[in-house]
Amino acid sequence: MTLATVQKQNSSRFRPWLEEHGGKLLLFARQQTRSQADAEDVFQMALVKLARKVEEGTFVGGQNGWMPFIYTQIRRESIDLGRKDDRRKKREENVVNDDRSLGRDVEMPLFEEGESKDETRRMLTEALKELPQKFSEVITLKLWGEQTFAEIGETLEISLNTAASRYRYGIEALRKQLATARSNGDL
């Protein structure tokens, strides 16, 4: 028997079964997930796993065992998808928090025009000069060179993590140096 013949037989076995049980299985998947699209994806993944097992001949229990298998598989796939989404969301939140903590919310007065900005530019330039070089060069490359931490790491022959930590420490040191000017309203 060829693979095409087996697939055609499996397809003809699945179609009536899906027509009979598909609605309630999709409803179950919807209850297990956060959206209709996720439910459809989870349902499809569960069906693919069932079809593979049936096609390989490794599924035990015949067609009577399909329903319990699919319910269990939908639940497992839903849990996996939820965990994956939670991890992704946490990573995205960390990136946003890193953006804030790394000073991406800092204005860049070296590029701004006007007399009032001249004093700010001078103070910032002086403060950068007072920082240890390892911090000032990372800040300069990040803010004004618009390089990523990976690019900075390559340029300075340091790791990405070292570049990021030097940036954080440097921004914090700048904030401390300029705290007096800020409180006086000079910056």
C-alpha atoms as a PDB file:
ATOM      1  CA  MET A   1       0.000   0.000   0.000  1.00  0.00           C
ATOM      2  CA  THR A   2       1.447   3.391  -0.988  1.00  0.00           C
ATOM      3  CA  LEU A   3       1.665   6.477   1.224  1.00  0.00           C
ATOM      4  CA  ALA A   4      -0.864   8.289  -0.994  1.00  0.00           C
ATOM      5  CA  THR A   5      -3.371   5.441  -0.530  1.00  0.00           C
ATOM      6  CA  VAL A   6      -2.911   5.516   3.272  1.00  0.00           C
ATOM      7  CA  GLN A   7      -3.348   9.305   3.333  1.00  0.00           C
ATOM      8  CA  LYS A   8      -6.513   9.084   1.217  1.00  0.00           C
ATOM      9  CA  GLN A   9      -7.969   6.425   3.538  1.00  0.00           C
ATOM     10  CA  ASN A  10      -7.090   8.497   6.624  1.00  0.00           C
ATOM     11  CA  SER A  11      -8.584  11.599   5.036  1.00  0.00           C
ATOM     12  CA  SER A  12     -11.816   9.773   4.297  1.00  0.00           C
ATOM     13  CA  ARG A  13     -11.866   8.478   7.910  1.00  0.00           C
ATOM     14  CA  PHE A  14     -11.245  11.912   9.405  1.00  0.00           C
ATOM     15  CA  ARG A  15     -13.767  13.921   7.362  1.00  0.00           C
ATOM     16  CA  PRO A  16     -17.008  12.427   8.767  1.00  0.00           C
ATOM     17  CA  TRP A  17     -15.503  12.295  12.250  1.00  0.00           C
ATOM     18  CA  LEU A  18     -14.487  15.966  12.047  1.00  0.00           C
ATOM     19  CA  GLU A  19     -17.893  16.983  10.710  1.00  0.00           C
ATOM     20  CA  GLU A  20     -19.524  15.267  13.684  1.00  0.00           C
ATOM     21  CA  HIS A  21     -17.137  16.355  16.456  1.00  0.00           C
ATOM     22  CA  GLY A  22     -15.274  19.389  15.075  1.00  0.00           C
ATOM     23  CA  GLY A  23     -17.649  22.007  16.491  1.00  0.00           C
ATOM     24  CA  LYS A  24     -17.501  20.814  20.075  1.00  0.00           C
ATOM     25  CA  LEU A  25     -13.744  20.249  19.876  1.00  0.00           C
ATOM     26  CA  LEU A  26     -13.222  23.785  18.589  1.00  0.00           C
ATOM     27  CA  LEU A  27     -15.469  25.108  21.371  1.00  0.00           C
ATOM     28  CA  PHE A  28     -13.366  23.211  23.907  1.00  0.00           C
ATOM     29  CA  ALA A  29     -10.205  24.651  22.340  1.00  0.00           C
ATOM     30  CA  ARG A  30     -11.717  28.146  22.542  1.00  0.00           C
ATOM     31  CA  GLN A  31     -12.372  27.669  26.259  1.00  0.00           C
ATOM     32  CA  GLN A  32      -8.752  26.637  26.771  1.00  0.00           C
ATOM     33  CA  THR A  33      -7.168  29.545  24.886  1.00  0.00           C
ATOM     34  CA  ARG A  34      -7.205  33.338  24.861  1.00  0.00           C
ATOM     35  CA  SER A  35      -8.585  33.938  21.363  1.00  0.00           C
ATOM     36  CA  GLN A  36     -10.418  32.310  18.493  1.00  0.00           C
ATOM     37  CA  ALA A  37      -7.257  32.289  16.392  1.00  0.00           C
ATOM     38  CA  ASP A  38      -5.331  30.537  19.166  1.00  0.00           C
ATOM     39  CA  ALA A  39      -8.165  28.011  19.525  1.00  0.00           C
ATOM     40  CA  GLU A  40      -8.033  27.217  15.825  1.00  0.00           C
ATOM     41  CA  ASP A  41      -4.249  26.852  15.943  1.00  0.00           C
ATOM     42  CA  VAL A  42      -4.375  24.574  18.987  1.00  0.00           C
ATOM     43  CA  PHE A  43      -7.151  22.468  17.450  1.00  0.00           C
ATOM     44  CA  GLN A  44      -5.170  22.122  14.229  1.00  0.00           C
ATOM     45  CA  MET A  45      -1.975  21.130  16.081  1.00  0.00           C
ATOM     46  CA  ALA A  46      -3.892  18.476  18.020  1.00  0.00           C
ATOM     47  CA  LEU A  47      -5.442  17.112  14.814  1.00  0.00           C
ATOM     48  CA  VAL A  48      -2.057  16.981  13.104  1.00  0.00           C
ATOM     49  CA  LYS A  49      -0.606  14.972  15.997  1.00  0.00           C
ATOM     50  CA  LEU A  50      -3.541  12.564  15.875  1.00  0.00           C
ATOM     51  CA  ALA A  51      -3.277  12.197  12.095  1.00  0.00           C
ATOM     52  CA  ARG A  52       0.460  11.487  12.330  1.00  0.00           C
ATOM     53  CA  LYS A  53      -0.057   8.816  14.967  1.00  0.00           C
ATOM     54  CA  VAL A  54      -2.844   7.204  12.944  1.00  0.00           C
ATOM     55  CA  GLU A  55      -0.806   7.397   9.736  1.00  0.00           C
ATOM     56  CA  GLU A  56       2.283   5.900  11.402  1.00  0.00           C
ATOM     57  CA  GLY A  57       0.141   3.154  12.928  1.00  0.00           C
ATOM     58  CA  THR A  58       1.276   4.055  16.459  1.00  0.00           C
ATOM     59  CA  PHE A  59      -2.123   5.193  17.715  1.00  0.00           C
ATOM     60  CA  VAL A  60      -3.637   2.656  20.093  1.00  0.00           C
ATOM     61  CA  GLY A  61      -7.389   2.451  20.619  1.00  0.00           C
ATOM     62  CA  GLY A  62      -8.791   2.952  17.169  1.00  0.00           C
ATOM     63  CA  GLN A  63     -11.318   5.634  16.296  1.00  0.00           C
ATOM     64  CA  ASN A  64     -12.973   5.292  19.723  1.00  0.00           C
ATOM     65  CA  GLY A  65      -9.787   6.637  21.296  1.00  0.00           C
ATOM     66  CA  TRP A  66      -9.599   9.729  19.110  1.00  0.00           C
ATOM     67  CA  MET A  67     -11.881  11.921  21.263  1.00  0.00           C
ATOM     68  CA  PRO A  68     -10.010  11.457  24.562  1.00  0.00           C
ATOM     69  CA  PHE A  69      -6.700  11.895  22.733  1.00  0.00           C
ATOM     70  CA  ILE A  70      -7.840  15.118  21.016  1.00  0.00           C
ATOM     71  CA  TYR A  71      -9.252  16.602  24.247  1.00  0.00           C
ATOM     72  CA  THR A  72      -6.015  15.835  26.063  1.00  0.00           C
ATOM     73  CA  GLN A  73      -3.903  17.134  23.201  1.00  0.00           C
ATOM     74  CA  ILE A  74      -5.933  20.362  22.913  1.00  0.00           C
ATOM     75  CA  ARG A  75      -5.421  20.962  26.620  1.00  0.00           C
ATOM     76  CA  ARG A  76      -1.666  20.318  26.373  1.00  0.00           C
ATOM     77  CA  GLU A  77      -1.257  22.501  23.287  1.00  0.00           C
ATOM     78  CA  SER A  78      -3.243  25.287  24.985  1.00  0.00           C
ATOM     79  CA  ILE A  79      -1.030  25.174  28.064  1.00  0.00           C
ATOM     80  CA  ASP A  80       2.115  25.224  25.905  1.00  0.00           C
ATOM     81  CA  LEU A  81       0.799  28.133  23.834  1.00  0.00           C
ATOM     82  CA  GLY A  82      -0.185  30.072  26.958  1.00  0.00           C
ATOM     83  CA  ARG A  83       3.256  29.584  28.476  1.00  0.00           C
ATOM     84  CA  LYS A  84       4.931  30.580  25.231  1.00  0.00           C
ATOM     85  CA  ASP A  85       2.784  33.729  24.999  1.00  0.00           C
ATOM     86  CA  ASP A  86       3.493  34.591  28.641  1.00  0.00           C
ATOM     87  CA  ARG A  87       7.238  34.213  28.095  1.00  0.00           C
ATOM     88  CA  ARG A  88       7.054  36.365  24.946  1.00  0.00           C
ATOM     89  CA  LYS A  89       5.032  39.017  26.761  1.00  0.00           C
ATOM     90  CA  LYS A  90       7.501  39.056  29.643  1.00  0.00           C
ATOM     91  CA  ARG A  91      10.432  39.401  27.219  1.00  0.00           C
ATOM     92  CA  GLU A  92       8.671  42.304  25.470  1.00  0.00           C
ATOM     93  CA  GLU A  93       7.953  44.017  28.796  1.00  0.00           C
ATOM     94  CA  ASN A  94      11.594  43.591  29.786  1.00  0.00           C
ATOM     95  CA  VAL A  95      12.686  45.245  26.546  1.00  0.00           C
ATOM     96  CA  VAL A  96      10.393  48.212  27.234  1.00  0.00           C
ATOM     97  CA  ASN A  97      11.663  48.447  30.823  1.00  0.00           C
ATOM     98  CA  ASP A  98      15.262  48.171  29.589  1.00  0.00           C
ATOM     99  CA  ASP A  99      14.602  50.973  27.100  1.00  0.00           C
ATOM    100  CA  ARG A 100      13.497  53.187  29.975  1.00  0.00           C
ATOM    101  CA  SER A 101      16.267  52.139  32.358  1.00  0.00           C
ATOM    102  CA  LEU A 102      18.895  52.423  29.660  1.00  0.00           C
ATOM    103  CA  GLY A 103      18.027  56.049  29.065  1.00  0.00           C
ATOM    104  CA  ARG A 104      16.308  55.803  25.718  1.00  0.00           C
ATOM    105  CA  ASP A 105      13.830  58.229  27.194  1.00  0.00           C
ATOM    106  CA  VAL A 106      16.688  60.757  27.550  1.00  0.00           C
ATOM    107  CA  GLU A 107      16.612  63.768  25.250  1.00  0.00           C
ATOM    108  CA  MET A 108      19.660  64.294  23.094  1.00  0.00           C
ATOM    109  CA  PRO A 109      20.411  68.019  23.367  1.00  0.00           C
ATOM    110  CA  LEU A 110      23.636  67.727  21.367  1.00  0.00           C
ATOM    111  CA  PHE A 111      21.481  67.655  18.249  1.00  0.00           C
ATOM    112  CA  GLU A 112      19.075  70.417  19.204  1.00  0.00           C
ATOM    113  CA  GLU A 113      19.451  73.992  18.026  1.00  0.00           C
ATOM    114  CA  GLY A 114      19.037  77.257  19.912  1.00  0.00           C
ATOM    115  CA  GLU A 115      20.759  79.428  22.496  1.00  0.00           C
ATOM    116  CA  SER A 116      19.111  77.746  25.482  1.00  0.00           C
ATOM    117  CA  LYS A 117      20.366  74.410  24.236  1.00  0.00           C
ATOM    118  CA  ASP A 118      23.963  75.653  23.972  1.00  0.00           C
ATOM    119  CA  GLU A 119      24.335  75.660  27.761  1.00  0.00           C
ATOM    120  CA  THR A 120      22.729  72.226  28.040  1.00  0.00           C
ATOM    121  CA  ARG A 121      24.996  70.913  25.291  1.00  0.00           C
ATOM    122  CA  ARG A 122      28.067  72.323  27.045  1.00  0.00           C
ATOM    123  CA  MET A 123      27.074  70.852  30.427  1.00  0.00           C
ATOM    124  CA  LEU A 124      26.354  67.444  28.931  1.00  0.00           C
ATOM    125  CA  THR A 125      29.625  67.425  27.001  1.00  0.00           C
ATOM    126  CA  GLU A 126      31.550  68.320  30.160  1.00  0.00           C
ATOM    127  CA  ALA A 127      29.732  65.651  32.175  1.00  0.00           C
ATOM    128  CA  LEU A 128      30.525  63.037  29.511  1.00  0.00           C
ATOM    129  CA  LYS A 129      34.215  64.025  29.646  1.00  0.00           C
ATOM    130  CA  GLU A 130      34.235  63.528  33.414  1.00  0.00           C
ATOM    131  CA  LEU A 131      32.907  59.979  33.114  1.00  0.00           C
ATOM    132  CA  PRO A 132      35.369  57.108  32.841  1.00  0.00           C
ATOM    133  CA  GLN A 133      36.111  56.526  29.161  1.00  0.00           C
ATOM    134  CA  LYS A 134      34.628  53.025  29.203  1.00  0.00           C
ATOM    135  CA  PHE A 135      31.215  54.557  30.058  1.00  0.00           C
ATOM    136  CA  SER A 136      31.367  57.673  27.889  1.00  0.00           C
ATOM    137  CA  GLU A 137      32.364  55.809  24.739  1.00  0.00           C
ATOM    138  CA  VAL A 138      29.471  53.336  25.120  1.00  0.00           C
ATOM    139  CA  ILE A 139      26.993  56.185  25.740  1.00  0.00           C
ATOM    140  CA  THR A 140      28.309  58.098  22.732  1.00  0.00           C
ATOM    141  CA  LEU A 141      28.091  55.059  20.453  1.00  0.00           C
ATOM    142  CA  LYS A 142      24.599  54.179  21.707  1.00  0.00           C
ATOM    143  CA  LEU A 143      22.899  57.578  21.730  1.00  0.00           C
ATOM    144  CA  TRP A 144      24.675  59.502  19.023  1.00  0.00           C
ATOM    145  CA  GLY A 145      26.124  56.653  17.007  1.00  0.00           C
ATOM    146  CA  GLU A 146      22.764  54.852  17.162  1.00  0.00           C
ATOM    147  CA  GLN A 147      24.487  51.485  17.471  1.00  0.00           C
ATOM    148  CA  THR A 148      23.011  48.400  19.096  1.00  0.00           C
ATOM    149  CA  PHE A 149      24.741  46.838  22.081  1.00  0.00           C
ATOM    150  CA  ALA A 150      25.903  44.026  19.812  1.00  0.00           C
ATOM    151  CA  GLU A 151      27.495  46.551  17.424  1.00  0.00           C
ATOM    152  CA  ILE A 152      29.052  48.434  20.341  1.00  0.00           C
ATOM    153  CA  GLY A 153      30.432  45.167  21.680  1.00  0.00           C
ATOM    154  CA  GLU A 154      32.007  44.423  18.312  1.00  0.00           C
ATOM    155  CA  THR A 155      33.444  47.921  17.980  1.00  0.00           C
ATOM    156  CA  LEU A 156      34.939  47.963  21.481  1.00  0.00           C
ATOM    157  CA  GLU A 157      35.733  44.241  21.540  1.00  0.00           C
ATOM    158  CA  ILE A 158      33.583  43.603  24.611  1.00  0.00           C
ATOM    159  CA  SER A 159      30.518  41.434  25.117  1.00  0.00           C
ATOM    160  CA  LEU A 160      27.008  42.678  24.419  1.00  0.00           C
ATOM    161  CA  ASN A 161      26.184  42.372  28.133  1.00  0.00           C
ATOM    162  CA  THR A 162      29.241  44.376  29.130  1.00  0.00           C
ATOM    163  CA  ALA A 163      28.256  47.116  26.682  1.00  0.00           C
ATOM    164  CA  ALA A 164      24.723  47.206  28.110  1.00  0.00           C
ATOM    165  CA  SER A 165      25.910  47.325  31.722  1.00  0.00           C
ATOM    166  CA  ARG A 166      28.461  50.055  30.956  1.00  0.00           C
ATOM    167  CA  TYR A 167      25.688  52.028  29.316  1.00  0.00           C
ATOM    168  CA  ARG A 168      23.408  51.643  32.346  1.00  0.00           C
ATOM    169  CA  TYR A 169      26.165  52.607  34.777  1.00  0.00           C
ATOM    170  CA  GLY A 170      27.226  55.522  32.588  1.00  0.00           C
ATOM    171  CA  ILE A 171      23.694  56.915  32.277  1.00  0.00           C
ATOM    172  CA  GLU A 172      23.247  56.609  36.037  1.00  0.00           C
ATOM    173  CA  ALA A 173      26.555  58.396  36.642  1.00  0.00           C
ATOM    174  CA  LEU A 174      25.503  61.161  34.219  1.00  0.00           C
ATOM    175  CA  ARG A 175      22.198  61.565  36.015  1.00  0.00           C
ATOM    176  CA  LYS A 176      24.013  61.939  39.340  1.00  0.00           C
ATOM    177  CA  GLN A 177      26.507  64.435  37.882  1.00  0.00           C
ATOM    178  CA  LEU A 178      23.759  66.529  36.359  1.00  0.00           C
ATOM    179  CA  ALA A 179      21.368  66.315  39.335  1.00  0.00           C
ATOM    180  CA  THR A 180      22.491  69.667  40.677  1.00  0.00           C
ATOM    181  CA  ALA A 181      22.097  71.387  37.332  1.00  0.00           C
ATOM    182  CA  ARG A 182      18.679  69.810  36.932  1.00  0.00           C
ATOM    183  CA  SER A 183      17.502  70.920  40.392  1.00  0.00           C
ATOM    184  CA  ASN A 184      18.678  74.477  39.623  1.00  0.00           C
ATOM    185  CA  GLY A 185      16.714  74.423  36.396  1.00  0.00           C
ATOM    186  CA  ASP A 186      19.847  74.769  34.274  1.00  0.00           C
ATOM    187  CA  LEU A 187      19.195  71.515  32.460  1.00  0.00           C
END
